[in-house]
Structure formats: structure tokens, C-alpha cells
Amino acid sequence: MKCEYCGKQIDHIPFQCEYCGRYYCDDHRLHENHYCSYALKKLEEERSATVCRKIKAFFRRLF
């Protein structure tokens, strides 16, 4: 099996990204190391949800 980012042959159990499901070598196993677009989208959604909750809580205190 080869790393889906760099193409390096993986001689051991490959790492599967929890966001995109693809397989990577030791160097690219973390989502930030293979520039995982699925992870970035998920993190943006989580941040947006957090900001929305904080804004709603702020306005609830005002009224």
C-alpha cells in the first residue's frame, strides 16, 4: 500500500485519516500534514457552531 499524499510505500499498518478515510504514511498521518479538506471543513463547521452559540447566549442575556 502507498501513502495517498506522497506515494511512499507503507511497510507497516497504514494510518487511516478519521476525516477522509484515506491511508497515509507516518509523515502524513495527521490531517494537517496531508492538508485534509474534509478536516478543514469539519473544523470550520464546529467553529461556526460555537460562535453561533456564543452570540445566541449573549443576546439571551440582553433580553
N, C-alpha and C. Protein backbone atom coordinates (compact mmCIF):
# COMPACT_ATOMS: atom_id res chain seq x y z
N MET A 1 0.85 -1.18 0.00
CA MET A 1 0.00 0.00 0.00
C MET A 1 0.90 1.24 0.00
N LYS A 2 0.42 2.30 -0.66
CA LYS A 2 1.19 3.54 -0.74
C LYS A 2 0.43 4.67 -0.05
N CYS A 3 1.20 5.62 0.47
CA CYS A 3 0.64 6.83 1.07
C CYS A 3 -0.10 7.60 -0.03
N GLU A 4 -1.31 8.02 0.26
CA GLU A 4 -2.10 8.72 -0.75
C GLU A 4 -1.69 10.17 -0.92
N TYR A 5 -0.76 10.65 -0.10
CA TYR A 5 -0.26 12.02 -0.26
C TYR A 5 1.05 12.06 -1.02
N CYS A 6 2.02 11.26 -0.56
CA CYS A 6 3.35 11.32 -1.17
C CYS A 6 3.69 10.11 -2.03
N GLY A 7 2.91 9.05 -1.93
CA GLY A 7 3.16 7.86 -2.73
C GLY A 7 4.21 6.92 -2.17
N LYS A 8 4.72 7.23 -0.99
CA LYS A 8 5.73 6.38 -0.35
C LYS A 8 5.11 5.02 0.01
N GLN A 9 5.86 3.97 -0.23
CA GLN A 9 5.41 2.62 0.13
C GLN A 9 5.28 2.51 1.65
N ILE A 10 4.17 1.98 2.12
CA ILE A 10 3.93 1.81 3.55
C ILE A 10 4.17 0.34 3.88
N ASP A 11 5.20 0.07 4.68
CA ASP A 11 5.59 -1.30 5.00
C ASP A 11 4.94 -1.83 6.28
N HIS A 12 4.22 -0.98 6.97
CA HIS A 12 3.58 -1.38 8.24
C HIS A 12 2.08 -1.11 8.12
N ILE A 13 1.38 -1.19 9.21
CA ILE A 13 -0.06 -0.89 9.19
C ILE A 13 -0.22 0.59 8.88
N PRO A 14 -0.96 0.94 7.83
CA PRO A 14 -1.10 2.35 7.44
C PRO A 14 -2.04 3.09 8.40
N PHE A 15 -1.89 4.39 8.44
CA PHE A 15 -2.76 5.23 9.25
C PHE A 15 -3.92 5.70 8.39
N GLN A 16 -5.13 5.52 8.90
CA GLN A 16 -6.31 5.97 8.18
C GLN A 16 -6.81 7.27 8.81
N CYS A 17 -7.00 8.29 7.98
CA CYS A 17 -7.48 9.58 8.45
C CYS A 17 -8.92 9.44 8.93
N GLU A 18 -9.22 9.98 10.11
CA GLU A 18 -10.57 9.87 10.65
C GLU A 18 -11.56 10.76 9.91
N TYR A 19 -11.08 11.71 9.13
CA TYR A 19 -11.97 12.61 8.40
C TYR A 19 -12.25 12.16 6.98
N CYS A 20 -11.20 11.84 6.22
CA CYS A 20 -11.40 11.49 4.80
C CYS A 20 -11.36 9.98 4.55
N GLY A 21 -10.82 9.20 5.49
CA GLY A 21 -10.80 7.75 5.36
C GLY A 21 -9.67 7.22 4.48
N ARG A 22 -8.79 8.09 4.01
CA ARG A 22 -7.68 7.65 3.17
C ARG A 22 -6.51 7.20 4.03
N TYR A 23 -5.55 6.50 3.40
CA TYR A 23 -4.43 5.93 4.13
C TYR A 23 -3.14 6.71 3.86
N TYR A 24 -2.36 6.90 4.94
CA TYR A 24 -1.15 7.72 4.86
C TYR A 24 0.01 7.09 5.62
N CYS A 25 1.22 7.55 5.26
CA CYS A 25 2.45 7.11 5.92
C CYS A 25 2.60 7.86 7.25
N ASP A 26 3.67 7.55 7.97
CA ASP A 26 3.94 8.19 9.25
C ASP A 26 4.00 9.72 9.14
N ASP A 27 4.61 10.19 8.07
CA ASP A 27 4.81 11.63 7.91
C ASP A 27 3.52 12.39 7.62
N HIS A 28 2.54 11.74 7.03
CA HIS A 28 1.32 12.42 6.61
C HIS A 28 0.06 11.90 7.31
N ARG A 29 0.22 11.22 8.43
CA ARG A 29 -0.93 10.61 9.11
C ARG A 29 -1.86 11.63 9.74
N LEU A 30 -1.33 12.79 10.16
CA LEU A 30 -2.16 13.82 10.76
C LEU A 30 -2.85 14.64 9.68
N HIS A 31 -4.09 15.04 9.93
CA HIS A 31 -4.85 15.73 8.89
C HIS A 31 -4.19 17.03 8.44
N GLU A 32 -3.49 17.71 9.33
CA GLU A 32 -2.81 18.94 8.93
C GLU A 32 -1.58 18.67 8.07
N ASN A 33 -1.04 17.46 8.12
CA ASN A 33 0.14 17.11 7.31
C ASN A 33 -0.22 16.67 5.89
N HIS A 34 -1.46 16.26 5.67
CA HIS A 34 -1.86 15.94 4.29
C HIS A 34 -2.94 16.89 3.79
N TYR A 35 -3.07 18.02 4.48
CA TYR A 35 -3.99 19.10 4.06
C TYR A 35 -5.38 18.56 3.74
N CYS A 36 -5.92 17.85 4.70
CA CYS A 36 -7.22 17.19 4.54
C CYS A 36 -8.35 18.22 4.44
N SER A 37 -8.97 18.30 3.28
CA SER A 37 -10.05 19.26 3.07
C SER A 37 -11.28 18.88 3.89
N TYR A 38 -11.47 17.59 4.14
CA TYR A 38 -12.60 17.16 4.96
C TYR A 38 -12.44 17.63 6.40
N ALA A 39 -11.23 17.56 6.92
CA ALA A 39 -10.97 18.01 8.29
C ALA A 39 -11.15 19.51 8.40
N LEU A 40 -10.67 20.25 7.42
CA LEU A 40 -10.81 21.70 7.45
C LEU A 40 -12.28 22.11 7.44
N LYS A 41 -13.06 21.43 6.61
CA LYS A 41 -14.49 21.73 6.55
C LYS A 41 -15.16 21.42 7.88
N LYS A 42 -14.83 20.28 8.47
CA LYS A 42 -15.41 19.89 9.76
C LYS A 42 -15.04 20.89 10.86
N LEU A 43 -13.77 21.32 10.89
CA LEU A 43 -13.33 22.28 11.90
C LEU A 43 -14.02 23.63 11.71
N GLU A 44 -14.21 24.06 10.47
CA GLU A 44 -14.92 25.31 10.21
C GLU A 44 -16.37 25.23 10.68
N GLU A 45 -17.01 24.09 10.45
CA GLU A 45 -18.39 23.91 10.90
C GLU A 45 -18.47 23.96 12.42
N GLU A 46 -17.52 23.32 13.10
CA GLU A 46 -17.51 23.33 14.57
C GLU A 46 -17.29 24.74 15.10
N ARG A 47 -16.37 25.48 14.49
CA ARG A 47 -16.12 26.86 14.93
C ARG A 47 -17.34 27.74 14.71
N SER A 48 -18.00 27.58 13.57
CA SER A 48 -19.20 28.37 13.28
C SER A 48 -20.29 28.08 14.29
N ALA A 49 -20.48 26.82 14.62
CA ALA A 49 -21.49 26.44 15.59
C ALA A 49 -21.18 27.03 16.96
N THR A 50 -19.91 27.03 17.35
CA THR A 50 -19.51 27.60 18.64
C THR A 50 -19.77 29.09 18.67
N VAL A 51 -19.42 29.78 17.60
CA VAL A 51 -19.65 31.23 17.53
C VAL A 51 -21.14 31.53 17.59
N CYS A 52 -21.95 30.77 16.88
CA CYS A 52 -23.41 30.97 16.90
C CYS A 52 -23.97 30.78 18.30
N ARG A 53 -23.51 29.76 19.00
CA ARG A 53 -23.99 29.52 20.37
C ARG A 53 -23.62 30.68 21.28
N LYS A 54 -22.42 31.20 21.13
CA LYS A 54 -21.97 32.32 21.97
C LYS A 54 -22.78 33.58 21.68
N ILE A 55 -23.07 33.82 20.42
CA ILE A 55 -23.87 35.00 20.05
C ILE A 55 -25.28 34.87 20.60
N LYS A 56 -25.88 33.70 20.45
CA LYS A 56 -27.23 33.48 20.98
C LYS A 56 -27.26 33.66 22.49
N ALA A 57 -26.28 33.13 23.18
CA ALA A 57 -26.22 33.27 24.64
C ALA A 57 -26.08 34.73 25.04
N PHE A 58 -25.28 35.49 24.29
CA PHE A 58 -25.09 36.91 24.57
C PHE A 58 -26.41 37.66 24.44
N PHE A 59 -27.14 37.41 23.36
CA PHE A 59 -28.41 38.11 23.16
C PHE A 59 -29.48 37.67 24.14
N ARG A 60 -29.45 36.44 24.58
CA ARG A 60 -30.41 35.99 25.59
C ARG A 60 -30.23 36.74 26.89
N ARG A 61 -28.97 37.04 27.22
CA ARG A 61 -28.70 37.80 28.45
C ARG A 61 -29.18 39.24 28.34
N LEU A 62 -29.18 39.78 27.13
CA LEU A 62 -29.62 41.17 26.93
C LEU A 62 -31.13 41.31 27.06
N PHE A 63 -31.86 40.30 26.63
CA PHE A 63 -33.32 40.41 26.62
C PHE A 63 -33.87 39.49 27.63
